[in-house]
C-alpha atoms as a PDB file:
ATOM      1  CA  MET A   1     -20.545 -19.143   6.650  1.00  0.00           C
ATOM      2  CA  SER A   2     -24.156 -18.250   7.332  1.00  0.00           C
ATOM      3  CA  GLY A   3     -24.335 -16.192   4.172  1.00  0.00           C
ATOM      4  CA  ALA A   4     -27.432 -14.315   3.168  1.00  0.00           C
ATOM      5  CA  THR A   5     -29.013 -15.553  -0.054  1.00  0.00           C
ATOM      6  CA  GLY A   6     -27.947 -13.445  -3.013  1.00  0.00           C
ATOM      7  CA  VAL A   7     -25.290 -11.628  -0.980  1.00  0.00           C
ATOM      8  CA  PRO A   8     -21.736 -12.459  -2.076  1.00  0.00           C
ATOM      9  CA  GLU A   9     -18.933 -12.902   0.413  1.00  0.00           C
ATOM     10  CA  VAL A  10     -15.788 -10.811   0.011  1.00  0.00           C
ATOM     11  CA  THR A  11     -12.348 -11.648   1.403  1.00  0.00           C
ATOM     12  CA  ASP A  12      -9.078  -9.929   2.281  1.00  0.00           C
ATOM     13  CA  GLU A  13      -7.891 -10.991  -1.187  1.00  0.00           C
ATOM     14  CA  ASP A  14     -10.701  -9.417  -3.240  1.00  0.00           C
ATOM     15  CA  PHE A  15     -11.866  -6.568  -0.949  1.00  0.00           C
ATOM     16  CA  VAL A  16     -10.025  -3.858  -2.905  1.00  0.00           C
ATOM     17  CA  GLU A  17     -11.465  -5.019  -6.227  1.00  0.00           C
ATOM     18  CA  GLU A  18     -15.003  -5.896  -5.062  1.00  0.00           C
ATOM     19  CA  VAL A  19     -15.603  -3.057  -2.575  1.00  0.00           C
ATOM     20  CA  LEU A  20     -13.132  -0.217  -3.058  1.00  0.00           C
ATOM     21  CA  GLY A  21     -13.238  -0.540  -6.851  1.00  0.00           C
ATOM     22  CA  ALA A  22     -17.018  -0.890  -7.158  1.00  0.00           C
ATOM     23  CA  ARG A  23     -18.893   1.616  -9.298  1.00  0.00           C
ATOM     24  CA  LEU A  24     -21.928   1.497  -6.961  1.00  0.00           C
ATOM     25  CA  PRO A  25     -21.997   2.345  -3.255  1.00  0.00           C
ATOM     26  CA  VAL A  26     -21.241  -0.845  -1.301  1.00  0.00           C
ATOM     27  CA  LEU A  27     -22.776  -1.977   1.985  1.00  0.00           C
ATOM     28  CA  VAL A  28     -20.403  -4.381   3.747  1.00  0.00           C
ATOM     29  CA  GLU A  29     -21.637  -6.462   6.654  1.00  0.00           C
ATOM     30  CA  PHE A  30     -18.742  -7.529   8.850  1.00  0.00           C
ATOM     31  CA  THR A  31     -20.120 -10.790  10.190  1.00  0.00           C
ATOM     32  CA  ALA A  32     -19.228 -14.016  11.997  1.00  0.00           C
ATOM     33  CA  ASP A  33     -20.702 -17.513  12.117  1.00  0.00           C
ATOM     34  CA  TRP A  34     -20.928 -17.386  15.920  1.00  0.00           C
ATOM     35  CA  CYS A  35     -22.931 -14.131  15.972  1.00  0.00           C
ATOM     36  CA  PRO A  36     -26.733 -14.541  16.433  1.00  0.00           C
ATOM     37  CA  PRO A  37     -27.571 -10.908  15.468  1.00  0.00           C
ATOM     38  CA  CYS A  38     -25.561 -11.441  12.267  1.00  0.00           C
ATOM     39  CA  ARG A  39     -27.704 -14.462  11.392  1.00  0.00           C
ATOM     40  CA  GLN A  40     -30.801 -12.341  12.094  1.00  0.00           C
ATOM     41  CA  MET A  41     -29.630  -9.875   9.447  1.00  0.00           C
ATOM     42  CA  GLY A  42     -29.437 -12.540   6.697  1.00  0.00           C
ATOM     43  CA  PRO A  43     -33.019 -12.125   5.396  1.00  0.00           C
ATOM     44  CA  VAL A  44     -32.768  -8.320   5.697  1.00  0.00           C
ATOM     45  CA  LEU A  45     -29.588  -8.222   3.597  1.00  0.00           C
ATOM     46  CA  SER A  46     -31.036 -10.663   1.053  1.00  0.00           C
ATOM     47  CA  ALA A  47     -34.114  -8.457   0.623  1.00  0.00           C
ATOM     48  CA  LEU A  48     -31.996  -5.312   0.414  1.00  0.00           C
ATOM     49  CA  ALA A  49     -29.718  -6.859  -2.234  1.00  0.00           C
ATOM     50  CA  ALA A  50     -32.740  -7.976  -4.266  1.00  0.00           C
ATOM     51  CA  GLU A  51     -34.583  -4.648  -4.036  1.00  0.00           C
ATOM     52  CA  GLU A  52     -31.683  -2.180  -4.297  1.00  0.00           C
ATOM     53  CA  GLY A  53     -29.279  -4.162  -6.509  1.00  0.00           C
ATOM     54  CA  GLU A  54     -29.342  -1.502  -9.230  1.00  0.00           C
ATOM     55  CA  ARG A  55     -28.243   1.209  -6.812  1.00  0.00           C
ATOM     56  CA  LEU A  56     -26.343  -0.607  -4.055  1.00  0.00           C
ATOM     57  CA  LYS A  57     -23.962  -3.549  -3.878  1.00  0.00           C
ATOM     58  CA  VAL A  58     -24.429  -5.634  -0.716  1.00  0.00           C
ATOM     59  CA  VAL A  59     -21.649  -7.971   0.462  1.00  0.00           C
ATOM     60  CA  GLN A  60     -20.587  -9.832   3.590  1.00  0.00           C
ATOM     61  CA  LEU A  61     -17.119 -10.258   5.059  1.00  0.00           C
ATOM     62  CA  ASN A  62     -16.414 -12.981   7.630  1.00  0.00           C
ATOM     63  CA  VAL A  63     -14.260 -11.348  10.319  1.00  0.00           C
ATOM     64  CA  ASP A  64     -12.737 -14.649  11.467  1.00  0.00           C
ATOM     65  CA  ASP A  65     -11.529 -15.552   7.971  1.00  0.00           C
ATOM     66  CA  ASN A  66     -10.429 -12.037   6.961  1.00  0.00           C
ATOM     67  CA  PRO A  67      -8.475 -10.369   9.784  1.00  0.00           C
ATOM     68  CA  LEU A  68      -6.565  -7.926   7.560  1.00  0.00           C
ATOM     69  CA  THR A  69      -9.650  -6.066   6.341  1.00  0.00           C
ATOM     70  CA  THR A  70     -11.376  -6.353   9.736  1.00  0.00           C
ATOM     71  CA  ASN A  71      -8.384  -4.788  11.505  1.00  0.00           C
ATOM     72  CA  ALA A  72      -7.800  -2.179   8.788  1.00  0.00           C
ATOM     73  CA  TYR A  73     -11.276  -0.746   9.453  1.00  0.00           C
ATOM     74  CA  LYS A  74     -11.044  -1.260  13.242  1.00  0.00           C
ATOM     75  CA  VAL A  75     -14.153  -3.435  13.360  1.00  0.00           C
ATOM     76  CA  LEU A  76     -14.706  -4.658  16.927  1.00  0.00           C
ATOM     77  CA  SER A  77     -18.397  -5.556  17.155  1.00  0.00           C
ATOM     78  CA  MET A  78     -20.573  -7.806  15.018  1.00  0.00           C
ATOM     79  CA  PRO A  79     -22.465  -7.060  12.971  1.00  0.00           C
ATOM     80  CA  THR A  80     -20.849  -3.845  11.786  1.00  0.00           C
ATOM     81  CA  PHE A  81     -22.164  -2.325   8.572  1.00  0.00           C
ATOM     82  CA  MET A  82     -19.945  -0.005   6.559  1.00  0.00           C
ATOM     83  CA  VAL A  83     -20.930   1.918   3.476  1.00  0.00           C
ATOM     84  CA  PHE A  84     -18.209   2.603   0.919  1.00  0.00           C
ATOM     85  CA  CYS A  85     -18.532   5.192  -1.846  1.00  0.00           C
ATOM     86  CA  ASP A  86     -15.751   5.649  -4.395  1.00  0.00           C
ATOM     87  CA  GLY A  87     -13.407   3.520  -2.291  1.00  0.00           C
ATOM     88  CA  GLU A  88     -13.946   5.472   0.930  1.00  0.00           C
ATOM     89  CA  PRO A  89     -15.890   4.413   4.040  1.00  0.00           C
ATOM     90  CA  VAL A  90     -18.629   7.038   4.415  1.00  0.00           C
ATOM     91  CA  ARG A  91     -20.803   5.503   7.111  1.00  0.00           C
ATOM     92  CA  SER A  92     -20.518   2.903   9.856  1.00  0.00           C
ATOM     93  CA  MET A  93     -23.348   1.326  11.861  1.00  0.00           C
ATOM     94  CA  VAL A  94     -23.056  -1.282  14.608  1.00  0.00           C
ATOM     95  CA  GLY A  95     -25.696  -3.845  15.540  1.00  0.00           C
ATOM     96  CA  ALA A  96     -28.639  -5.595  13.955  1.00  0.00           C
ATOM     97  CA  ARG A  97     -31.485  -3.373  12.772  1.00  0.00           C
ATOM     98  CA  PRO A  98     -34.775  -3.747  10.921  1.00  0.00           C
ATOM     99  CA  LYS A  99     -34.729  -3.242   7.167  1.00  0.00           C
ATOM    100  CA  ARG A 100     -36.738  -0.010   7.356  1.00  0.00           C
ATOM    101  CA  ARG A 101     -34.138   1.563   9.665  1.00  0.00           C
ATOM    102  CA  LEU A 102     -31.248   0.271   7.553  1.00  0.00           C
ATOM    103  CA  LEU A 103     -32.828   1.766   4.421  1.00  0.00           C
ATOM    104  CA  ALA A 104     -33.313   5.092   6.204  1.00  0.00           C
ATOM    105  CA  GLU A 105     -29.643   5.100   7.216  1.00  0.00           C
ATOM    106  CA  LEU A 106     -28.629   4.320   3.642  1.00  0.00           C
ATOM    107  CA  SER A 107     -30.880   6.969   2.084  1.00  0.00           C
ATOM    108  CA  GLU A 108     -28.063   9.496   1.655  1.00  0.00           C
ATOM    109  CA  VAL A 109     -26.057   7.129  -0.569  1.00  0.00           C
ATOM    110  CA  LEU A 110     -28.932   5.619  -2.550  1.00  0.00           C
END
């Protein structure tokens, strides 16, 4: 897994606890090892997790290893970013993006 530094990986097994049960808003990156744009997002997610860790939980989910969660949220393209608040998906974004744009898109939940 080409995980971003400081960004934990969640699985089908712990998704409910780690994401749906989180007290903070959660940004989930649905990612895959074979996806170049996903690898591009690694440093962006690491920086976001470091800078916004008090207000936002950032995690990654490998779509190949976790088909139940991937299918439950109808994720078809990588990377897909989903924001969860109080156990509900409130925003979905598809494709790599610069940190500034990602932060702007997250502003309503931060």
